[in-house]
């Protein structure tokens, strides 16, 4: 049986290839307007990506990183490795600001362009394989904004690994308003101690989205899916459950041509 493989890739992107309207601003923290010329698509940028493919993949997950750490962060590496072990190929990639070494997240048009470039590359590298997009925090939100603005070709569902519903200490749900424009199924993986997503608010958002949305709750987990010792579980157990649930949900999306919400439950 052939072994899993890993490939380093480079993605070309510019905001002109994405959706330039923008439906929000970057998360954690909410960022001010980018400097003149940044994220405008005036010139094409190159960003790095890593493609991990199991011997017999069932589907592929186009995985975007959070606002504060790139695709090489240990959490992202564990996600990719664990999903590959469960038969899911993973293409993780950098946003342009992370590639440049900046701490200021890209304006939405440029972030959306990165999402679209990554989805297109996954389809090119893995022709015929069902695709799911999403990511950690900011990356998941940028993926859903792009999907809401104009459906990502071939993407059957979205996975949010800690959707950043609001800034810490500022409970609100406006960051989820665009989700009503997302027609595909969505999986929310959320911790009960997440300071960027009050659980009652998340539950309300998911309820309003109806059958499109599935919520998986992780007791005592924070935004990084860390749990306290007194919870009776450890971070490795939480990660294993997160991986199991994500792989099962993506597998359900892959098993139906339409990726209907009913098939994910």
C-alpha atoms as a PDB file:
ATOM      1  CA  UNK A   1       0.000   0.000   0.000  1.00  0.00           C
ATOM      2  CA  UNK A   2       1.453   3.411  -0.919  1.00  0.00           C
ATOM      3  CA  UNK A   3       2.433   5.683   1.975  1.00  0.00           C
ATOM      4  CA  UNK A   4       1.002   9.096   2.762  1.00  0.00           C
ATOM      5  CA  UNK A   5       2.744  11.925   0.943  1.00  0.00           C
ATOM      6  CA  UNK A   6       3.493  15.574   1.666  1.00  0.00           C
ATOM      7  CA  UNK A   7       4.117  18.303  -0.900  1.00  0.00           C
ATOM      8  CA  UNK A   8       5.224  21.914  -0.446  1.00  0.00           C
ATOM      9  CA  UNK A   9       3.293  24.245  -2.754  1.00  0.00           C
ATOM     10  CA  UNK A  10       3.193  27.908  -3.710  1.00  0.00           C
ATOM     11  CA  UNK A  11      -0.077  29.720  -4.400  1.00  0.00           C
ATOM     12  CA  UNK A  12      -0.359  32.844  -6.516  1.00  0.00           C
ATOM     13  CA  UNK A  13      -3.093  35.237  -5.431  1.00  0.00           C
ATOM     14  CA  UNK A  14      -4.355  38.762  -5.683  1.00  0.00           C
ATOM     15  CA  UNK A  15      -7.516  40.377  -4.381  1.00  0.00           C
ATOM     16  CA  UNK A  16      -8.671  40.894  -7.956  1.00  0.00           C
ATOM     17  CA  UNK A  17      -9.100  37.114  -8.204  1.00  0.00           C
ATOM     18  CA  UNK A  18     -11.207  37.053  -5.062  1.00  0.00           C
ATOM     19  CA  UNK A  19     -14.356  38.838  -3.989  1.00  0.00           C
ATOM     20  CA  UNK A  20     -13.546  42.464  -3.441  1.00  0.00           C
ATOM     21  CA  UNK A  21     -16.705  43.546  -1.666  1.00  0.00           C
ATOM     22  CA  UNK A  22     -15.658  42.175   1.724  1.00  0.00           C
ATOM     23  CA  UNK A  23     -18.140  41.285   4.445  1.00  0.00           C
ATOM     24  CA  UNK A  24     -16.138  42.040   7.544  1.00  0.00           C
ATOM     25  CA  UNK A  25     -12.721  42.684   8.993  1.00  0.00           C
ATOM     26  CA  UNK A  26     -10.053  40.468  10.456  1.00  0.00           C
ATOM     27  CA  UNK A  27     -10.448  38.833  13.849  1.00  0.00           C
ATOM     28  CA  UNK A  28      -8.572  38.730  17.143  1.00  0.00           C
ATOM     29  CA  UNK A  29      -8.022  41.600  17.246  1.00  0.00           C
ATOM     30  CA  UNK A  30     -10.385  43.438  14.927  1.00  0.00           C
ATOM     31  CA  UNK A  31      -7.948  45.169  12.658  1.00  0.00           C
ATOM     32  CA  UNK A  32      -7.945  48.766  11.424  1.00  0.00           C
ATOM     33  CA  UNK A  33      -7.860  49.525   7.755  1.00  0.00           C
ATOM     34  CA  UNK A  34      -4.805  48.140   6.024  1.00  0.00           C
ATOM     35  CA  UNK A  35      -2.063  50.528   4.865  1.00  0.00           C
ATOM     36  CA  UNK A  36      -2.446  52.029   1.413  1.00  0.00           C
ATOM     37  CA  UNK A  37      -1.890  49.354  -1.214  1.00  0.00           C
ATOM     38  CA  UNK A  38      -2.097  46.417   1.201  1.00  0.00           C
ATOM     39  CA  UNK A  39      -4.662  43.790   0.229  1.00  0.00           C
ATOM     40  CA  UNK A  40      -5.832  45.732  -2.811  1.00  0.00           C
ATOM     41  CA  UNK A  41      -4.732  43.229  -5.421  1.00  0.00           C
ATOM     42  CA  UNK A  42      -2.454  45.823  -7.046  1.00  0.00           C
ATOM     43  CA  UNK A  43       0.197  43.106  -7.399  1.00  0.00           C
ATOM     44  CA  UNK A  44       0.048  39.330  -7.225  1.00  0.00           C
ATOM     45  CA  UNK A  45       1.449  37.707  -4.073  1.00  0.00           C
ATOM     46  CA  UNK A  46       2.793  34.232  -3.488  1.00  0.00           C
ATOM     47  CA  UNK A  47       1.929  32.283  -0.351  1.00  0.00           C
ATOM     48  CA  UNK A  48       3.132  28.901   0.870  1.00  0.00           C
ATOM     49  CA  UNK A  49       0.995  25.799   1.285  1.00  0.00           C
ATOM     50  CA  UNK A  50       1.449  22.214   2.430  1.00  0.00           C
ATOM     51  CA  UNK A  51      -0.507  19.299   1.033  1.00  0.00           C
ATOM     52  CA  UNK A  52      -0.704  16.101   3.092  1.00  0.00           C
ATOM     53  CA  UNK A  53      -2.391  13.172   1.371  1.00  0.00           C
ATOM     54  CA  UNK A  54      -3.123   9.723   2.846  1.00  0.00           C
ATOM     55  CA  UNK A  55      -2.727   6.587   0.768  1.00  0.00           C
ATOM     56  CA  UNK A  56      -6.447   6.381  -0.024  1.00  0.00           C
ATOM     57  CA  UNK A  57      -8.105   9.758   0.702  1.00  0.00           C
ATOM     58  CA  UNK A  58     -11.883   9.992   1.091  1.00  0.00           C
ATOM     59  CA  UNK A  59     -12.017  13.776   0.833  1.00  0.00           C
ATOM     60  CA  UNK A  60      -9.855  16.875   1.230  1.00  0.00           C
ATOM     61  CA  UNK A  61      -9.992  19.695   3.789  1.00  0.00           C
ATOM     62  CA  UNK A  62      -8.691  23.118   2.725  1.00  0.00           C
ATOM     63  CA  UNK A  63      -7.496  24.335   6.129  1.00  0.00           C
ATOM     64  CA  UNK A  64      -6.793  27.997   6.951  1.00  0.00           C
ATOM     65  CA  UNK A  65      -4.870  29.144  10.023  1.00  0.00           C
ATOM     66  CA  UNK A  66      -5.966  31.520  12.781  1.00  0.00           C
ATOM     67  CA  UNK A  67      -5.066  35.191  13.104  1.00  0.00           C
ATOM     68  CA  UNK A  68      -2.078  34.806  15.407  1.00  0.00           C
ATOM     69  CA  UNK A  69      -0.243  31.734  14.123  1.00  0.00           C
ATOM     70  CA  UNK A  70       0.455  30.279  10.687  1.00  0.00           C
ATOM     71  CA  UNK A  71       0.097  26.875   9.099  1.00  0.00           C
ATOM     72  CA  UNK A  72       3.199  25.493  10.861  1.00  0.00           C
ATOM     73  CA  UNK A  73       1.793  26.050  14.377  1.00  0.00           C
ATOM     74  CA  UNK A  74       1.710  22.769  16.376  1.00  0.00           C
ATOM     75  CA  UNK A  75      -2.093  22.888  16.584  1.00  0.00           C
ATOM     76  CA  UNK A  76      -2.359  23.117  12.785  1.00  0.00           C
ATOM     77  CA  UNK A  77       0.231  20.376  12.321  1.00  0.00           C
ATOM     78  CA  UNK A  78      -1.672  18.078  14.701  1.00  0.00           C
ATOM     79  CA  UNK A  79      -4.928  18.774  12.874  1.00  0.00           C
ATOM     80  CA  UNK A  80      -3.385  17.924   9.524  1.00  0.00           C
ATOM     81  CA  UNK A  81      -1.599  14.804  10.740  1.00  0.00           C
ATOM     82  CA  UNK A  82      -4.625  13.514  12.624  1.00  0.00           C
ATOM     83  CA  UNK A  83      -6.985  13.993   9.688  1.00  0.00           C
ATOM     84  CA  UNK A  84      -4.558  12.289   7.314  1.00  0.00           C
ATOM     85  CA  UNK A  85      -4.507   9.317   9.699  1.00  0.00           C
ATOM     86  CA  UNK A  86      -8.297   9.278   9.373  1.00  0.00           C
ATOM     87  CA  UNK A  87      -8.292   9.269   5.574  1.00  0.00           C
ATOM     88  CA  UNK A  88      -8.707  13.001   4.910  1.00  0.00           C
ATOM     89  CA  UNK A  89      -6.221  14.891   2.741  1.00  0.00           C
ATOM     90  CA  UNK A  90      -5.351  18.354   4.068  1.00  0.00           C
ATOM     91  CA  UNK A  91      -4.141  21.431   2.213  1.00  0.00           C
ATOM     92  CA  UNK A  92      -3.079  24.086   4.719  1.00  0.00           C
ATOM     93  CA  UNK A  93      -1.813  27.452   3.603  1.00  0.00           C
ATOM     94  CA  UNK A  94      -0.612  30.861   4.706  1.00  0.00           C
ATOM     95  CA  UNK A  95      -2.493  34.109   4.428  1.00  0.00           C
ATOM     96  CA  UNK A  96      -0.419  36.831   2.769  1.00  0.00           C
ATOM     97  CA  UNK A  97       0.274  38.782   5.971  1.00  0.00           C
ATOM     98  CA  UNK A  98       1.627  35.668   7.679  1.00  0.00           C
ATOM     99  CA  UNK A  99       3.802  34.903   4.673  1.00  0.00           C
ATOM    100  CA  UNK A 100       5.255  38.439   4.929  1.00  0.00           C
ATOM    101  CA  UNK A 101       5.848  38.084   8.678  1.00  0.00           C
ATOM    102  CA  UNK A 102       3.308  40.770   9.565  1.00  0.00           C
ATOM    103  CA  UNK A 103       1.102  40.627  12.669  1.00  0.00           C
ATOM    104  CA  UNK A 104      -1.755  42.557  11.032  1.00  0.00           C
ATOM    105  CA  UNK A 105      -4.254  40.225   9.329  1.00  0.00           C
ATOM    106  CA  UNK A 106      -5.116  40.900   5.716  1.00  0.00           C
ATOM    107  CA  UNK A 107      -8.146  42.916   4.701  1.00  0.00           C
ATOM    108  CA  UNK A 108     -10.983  40.571   3.701  1.00  0.00           C
ATOM    109  CA  UNK A 109     -10.557  40.875  -0.094  1.00  0.00           C
ATOM    110  CA  UNK A 110      -6.991  39.577   0.064  1.00  0.00           C
ATOM    111  CA  UNK A 111      -7.857  36.933   2.662  1.00  0.00           C
ATOM    112  CA  UNK A 112     -10.723  35.736   0.466  1.00  0.00           C
ATOM    113  CA  UNK A 113      -8.336  35.547  -2.493  1.00  0.00           C
ATOM    114  CA  UNK A 114      -6.064  33.239  -0.478  1.00  0.00           C
ATOM    115  CA  UNK A 115      -9.028  31.000   0.354  1.00  0.00           C
ATOM    116  CA  UNK A 116     -10.022  30.805  -3.305  1.00  0.00           C
ATOM    117  CA  UNK A 117      -6.472  30.116  -4.465  1.00  0.00           C
ATOM    118  CA  UNK A 118      -6.139  27.298  -1.921  1.00  0.00           C
ATOM    119  CA  UNK A 119      -9.455  25.711  -2.919  1.00  0.00           C
ATOM    120  CA  UNK A 120      -8.500  25.900  -6.598  1.00  0.00           C
ATOM    121  CA  UNK A 121      -5.105  24.303  -5.897  1.00  0.00           C
ATOM    122  CA  UNK A 122      -6.696  21.504  -3.872  1.00  0.00           C
ATOM    123  CA  UNK A 123      -9.031  20.764  -6.785  1.00  0.00           C
ATOM    124  CA  UNK A 124      -6.078  20.778  -9.196  1.00  0.00           C
ATOM    125  CA  UNK A 125      -3.908  18.537  -7.020  1.00  0.00           C
ATOM    126  CA  UNK A 126      -6.719  16.132  -6.083  1.00  0.00           C
ATOM    127  CA  UNK A 127      -9.096  16.004  -9.062  1.00  0.00           C
ATOM    128  CA  UNK A 128     -12.435  14.409  -8.331  1.00  0.00           C
ATOM    129  CA  UNK A 129     -11.944  14.351  -4.555  1.00  0.00           C
ATOM    130  CA  UNK A 130     -14.764  15.962  -2.520  1.00  0.00           C
ATOM    131  CA  UNK A 131     -13.655  19.251  -0.930  1.00  0.00           C
ATOM    132  CA  UNK A 132     -14.460  20.896   2.399  1.00  0.00           C
ATOM    133  CA  UNK A 133     -13.055  24.280   3.443  1.00  0.00           C
ATOM    134  CA  UNK A 134     -12.702  26.193   6.705  1.00  0.00           C
ATOM    135  CA  UNK A 135     -10.140  26.558   9.413  1.00  0.00           C
ATOM    136  CA  UNK A 136      -9.096  27.749  12.816  1.00  0.00           C
ATOM    137  CA  UNK A 137     -10.782  30.937  14.068  1.00  0.00           C
ATOM    138  CA  UNK A 138      -9.976  33.749  11.589  1.00  0.00           C
ATOM    139  CA  UNK A 139      -9.294  31.205   8.854  1.00  0.00           C
ATOM    140  CA  UNK A 140     -12.719  29.648   9.229  1.00  0.00           C
ATOM    141  CA  UNK A 141     -14.408  33.035   9.211  1.00  0.00           C
ATOM    142  CA  UNK A 142     -12.564  34.174   6.083  1.00  0.00           C
ATOM    143  CA  UNK A 143     -13.524  30.908   4.388  1.00  0.00           C
ATOM    144  CA  UNK A 144     -17.201  31.400   5.206  1.00  0.00           C
ATOM    145  CA  UNK A 145     -17.137  35.033   4.076  1.00  0.00           C
ATOM    146  CA  UNK A 146     -15.682  33.947   0.748  1.00  0.00           C
ATOM    147  CA  UNK A 147     -18.294  31.207   0.440  1.00  0.00           C
ATOM    148  CA  UNK A 148     -21.125  33.601   1.273  1.00  0.00           C
ATOM    149  CA  UNK A 149     -19.956  36.161  -1.281  1.00  0.00           C
ATOM    150  CA  UNK A 150     -19.588  33.630  -4.115  1.00  0.00           C
ATOM    151  CA  UNK A 151     -19.670  29.870  -3.638  1.00  0.00           C
ATOM    152  CA  UNK A 152     -16.234  28.230  -3.593  1.00  0.00           C
ATOM    153  CA  UNK A 153     -16.157  25.810  -6.559  1.00  0.00           C
ATOM    154  CA  UNK A 154     -16.550  22.199  -5.508  1.00  0.00           C
ATOM    155  CA  UNK A 155     -16.749  22.900  -1.767  1.00  0.00           C
ATOM    156  CA  UNK A 156     -19.447  20.786  -0.127  1.00  0.00           C
ATOM    157  CA  UNK A 157     -19.225  22.095   3.436  1.00  0.00           C
ATOM    158  CA  UNK A 158     -17.414  24.346   5.903  1.00  0.00           C
ATOM    159  CA  UNK A 159     -15.687  23.400   9.163  1.00  0.00           C
ATOM    160  CA  UNK A 160     -15.106  26.017  11.883  1.00  0.00           C
ATOM    161  CA  UNK A 161     -12.476  25.081  14.466  1.00  0.00           C
ATOM    162  CA  UNK A 162     -13.505  27.719  16.996  1.00  0.00           C
ATOM    163  CA  UNK A 163     -15.590  30.267  15.090  1.00  0.00           C
ATOM    164  CA  UNK A 164     -14.598  33.743  16.427  1.00  0.00           C
ATOM    165  CA  UNK A 165     -18.071  35.107  17.034  1.00  0.00           C
ATOM    166  CA  UNK A 166     -16.979  38.283  18.841  1.00  0.00           C
ATOM    167  CA  UNK A 167     -13.931  39.961  20.425  1.00  0.00           C
ATOM    168  CA  UNK A 168     -13.131  38.856  23.967  1.00  0.00           C
ATOM    169  CA  UNK A 169     -15.418  40.577  26.465  1.00  0.00           C
ATOM    170  CA  UNK A 170     -17.655  42.057  23.740  1.00  0.00           C
ATOM    171  CA  UNK A 171     -20.464  39.521  23.196  1.00  0.00           C
ATOM    172  CA  UNK A 172     -22.273  39.958  19.873  1.00  0.00           C
ATOM    173  CA  UNK A 173     -23.325  37.906  16.863  1.00  0.00           C
ATOM    174  CA  UNK A 174     -22.807  40.330  13.969  1.00  0.00           C
ATOM    175  CA  UNK A 175     -19.743  38.395  12.795  1.00  0.00           C
ATOM    176  CA  UNK A 176     -22.083  35.525  11.955  1.00  0.00           C
ATOM    177  CA  UNK A 177     -24.527  37.572   9.894  1.00  0.00           C
ATOM    178  CA  UNK A 178     -22.936  36.498   6.616  1.00  0.00           C
ATOM    179  CA  UNK A 179     -23.517  32.824   7.445  1.00  0.00           C
ATOM    180  CA  UNK A 180     -27.139  33.213   6.377  1.00  0.00           C
ATOM    181  CA  UNK A 181     -25.741  33.557   2.846  1.00  0.00           C
ATOM    182  CA  UNK A 182     -23.946  30.204   3.070  1.00  0.00           C
ATOM    183  CA  UNK A 183     -26.000  27.444   1.489  1.00  0.00           C
ATOM    184  CA  UNK A 184     -23.746  24.462   2.230  1.00  0.00           C
ATOM    185  CA  UNK A 185     -23.587  22.482   5.508  1.00  0.00           C
ATOM    186  CA  UNK A 186     -21.433  23.850   8.333  1.00  0.00           C
ATOM    187  CA  UNK A 187     -19.765  22.167  11.318  1.00  0.00           C
ATOM    188  CA  UNK A 188     -19.040  24.295  14.398  1.00  0.00           C
ATOM    189  CA  UNK A 189     -16.438  22.890  16.821  1.00  0.00           C
ATOM    190  CA  UNK A 190     -16.673  25.101  19.918  1.00  0.00           C
ATOM    191  CA  UNK A 191     -15.356  25.073  23.476  1.00  0.00           C
ATOM    192  CA  UNK A 192     -17.492  26.149  26.415  1.00  0.00           C
ATOM    193  CA  UNK A 193     -14.724  28.464  27.728  1.00  0.00           C
ATOM    194  CA  UNK A 194     -14.038  30.170  24.404  1.00  0.00           C
ATOM    195  CA  UNK A 195     -13.736  33.905  25.153  1.00  0.00           C
ATOM    196  CA  UNK A 196     -14.357  34.706  21.485  1.00  0.00           C
ATOM    197  CA  UNK A 197     -17.621  32.783  21.254  1.00  0.00           C
ATOM    198  CA  UNK A 198     -20.057  32.743  24.162  1.00  0.00           C
ATOM    199  CA  UNK A 199     -21.758  29.355  24.079  1.00  0.00           C
ATOM    200  CA  UNK A 200     -25.298  30.674  24.428  1.00  0.00           C
ATOM    201  CA  UNK A 201     -24.674  33.013  21.476  1.00  0.00           C
ATOM    202  CA  UNK A 202     -23.169  30.219  19.387  1.00  0.00           C
ATOM    203  CA  UNK A 203     -26.146  27.997  20.124  1.00  0.00           C
ATOM    204  CA  UNK A 204     -28.476  30.767  18.996  1.00  0.00           C
ATOM    205  CA  UNK A 205     -26.577  31.263  15.732  1.00  0.00           C
ATOM    206  CA  UNK A 206     -26.608  27.537  15.015  1.00  0.00           C
ATOM    207  CA  UNK A 207     -30.326  27.278  15.792  1.00  0.00           C
ATOM    208  CA  UNK A 208     -31.109  30.115  13.380  1.00  0.00           C
ATOM    209  CA  UNK A 209     -29.094  28.461  10.620  1.00  0.00           C
ATOM    210  CA  UNK A 210     -31.264  25.354  10.934  1.00  0.00           C
ATOM    211  CA  UNK A 211     -30.336  22.046   9.315  1.00  0.00           C
ATOM    212  CA  UNK A 212     -27.324  23.553   7.567  1.00  0.00           C
ATOM    213  CA  UNK A 213     -25.449  23.811  10.872  1.00  0.00           C
ATOM    214  CA  UNK A 214     -24.118  21.157  13.253  1.00  0.00           C
ATOM    215  CA  UNK A 215     -22.622  22.104  16.634  1.00  0.00           C
ATOM    216  CA  UNK A 216     -20.100  19.950  18.474  1.00  0.00           C
ATOM    217  CA  UNK A 217     -19.464  21.226  22.017  1.00  0.00           C
ATOM    218  CA  UNK A 218     -16.202  20.616  23.907  1.00  0.00           C
ATOM    219  CA  UNK A 219     -16.722  21.004  27.637  1.00  0.00           C
ATOM    220  CA  UNK A 220     -14.187  23.247  29.400  1.00  0.00           C
ATOM    221  CA  UNK A 221     -12.200  23.898  26.189  1.00  0.00           C
ATOM    222  CA  UNK A 222     -11.023  27.440  25.475  1.00  0.00           C
ATOM    223  CA  UNK A 223     -10.404  29.046  22.072  1.00  0.00           C
ATOM    224  CA  UNK A 224      -7.233  26.935  21.684  1.00  0.00           C
ATOM    225  CA  UNK A 225      -9.103  23.778  22.783  1.00  0.00           C
ATOM    226  CA  UNK A 226      -7.095  23.636  25.983  1.00  0.00           C
ATOM    227  CA  UNK A 227      -8.863  22.115  28.981  1.00  0.00           C
ATOM    228  CA  UNK A 228      -8.046  22.367  32.682  1.00  0.00           C
ATOM    229  CA  UNK A 229      -6.874  19.342  34.637  1.00  0.00           C
ATOM    230  CA  UNK A 230      -9.951  19.513  36.850  1.00  0.00           C
ATOM    231  CA  UNK A 231     -12.157  18.900  33.807  1.00  0.00           C
ATOM    232  CA  UNK A 232     -11.274  15.201  33.949  1.00  0.00           C
ATOM    233  CA  UNK A 233      -9.828  15.193  30.453  1.00  0.00           C
ATOM    234  CA  UNK A 234      -6.639  16.390  28.790  1.00  0.00           C
ATOM    235  CA  UNK A 235      -5.776  18.257  25.617  1.00  0.00           C
ATOM    236  CA  UNK A 236      -4.803  15.088  23.748  1.00  0.00           C
ATOM    237  CA  UNK A 237      -8.208  13.554  24.431  1.00  0.00           C
ATOM    238  CA  UNK A 238      -9.941  16.721  23.258  1.00  0.00           C
ATOM    239  CA  UNK A 239      -7.869  16.765  20.060  1.00  0.00           C
ATOM    240  CA  UNK A 240      -8.652  13.095  19.395  1.00  0.00           C
ATOM    241  CA  UNK A 241     -12.385  13.736  19.730  1.00  0.00           C
ATOM    242  CA  UNK A 242     -12.140  16.866  17.571  1.00  0.00           C
ATOM    243  CA  UNK A 243     -10.349  14.872  14.871  1.00  0.00           C
ATOM    244  CA  UNK A 244     -12.802  11.971  15.054  1.00  0.00           C
ATOM    245  CA  UNK A 245     -15.809  14.268  14.749  1.00  0.00           C
ATOM    246  CA  UNK A 246     -14.301  16.334  11.963  1.00  0.00           C
ATOM    247  CA  UNK A 247     -13.263  13.293   9.933  1.00  0.00           C
ATOM    248  CA  UNK A 248     -16.690  11.687  10.365  1.00  0.00           C
ATOM    249  CA  UNK A 249     -18.477  14.872   9.285  1.00  0.00           C
ATOM    250  CA  UNK A 250     -16.218  15.381   6.262  1.00  0.00           C
ATOM    251  CA  UNK A 251     -16.704  11.728   5.373  1.00  0.00           C
ATOM    252  CA  UNK A 252     -20.461  12.258   5.431  1.00  0.00           C
ATOM    253  CA  UNK A 253     -20.072  15.222   3.076  1.00  0.00           C
ATOM    254  CA  UNK A 254     -17.966  13.082   0.748  1.00  0.00           C
ATOM    255  CA  UNK A 255     -20.534  10.284   0.734  1.00  0.00           C
ATOM    256  CA  UNK A 256     -23.266  12.336  -0.906  1.00  0.00           C
ATOM    257  CA  UNK A 257     -23.008  14.246  -4.192  1.00  0.00           C
ATOM    258  CA  UNK A 258     -24.950  17.217  -2.848  1.00  0.00           C
ATOM    259  CA  UNK A 259     -23.342  17.410   0.596  1.00  0.00           C
ATOM    260  CA  UNK A 260     -26.754  17.879   2.184  1.00  0.00           C
ATOM    261  CA  UNK A 261     -27.082  18.836   5.832  1.00  0.00           C
ATOM    262  CA  UNK A 262     -29.077  15.692   6.562  1.00  0.00           C
ATOM    263  CA  UNK A 263     -26.188  13.490   5.472  1.00  0.00           C
ATOM    264  CA  UNK A 264     -23.873  15.102   8.018  1.00  0.00           C
ATOM    265  CA  UNK A 265     -25.981  14.227  11.029  1.00  0.00           C
END
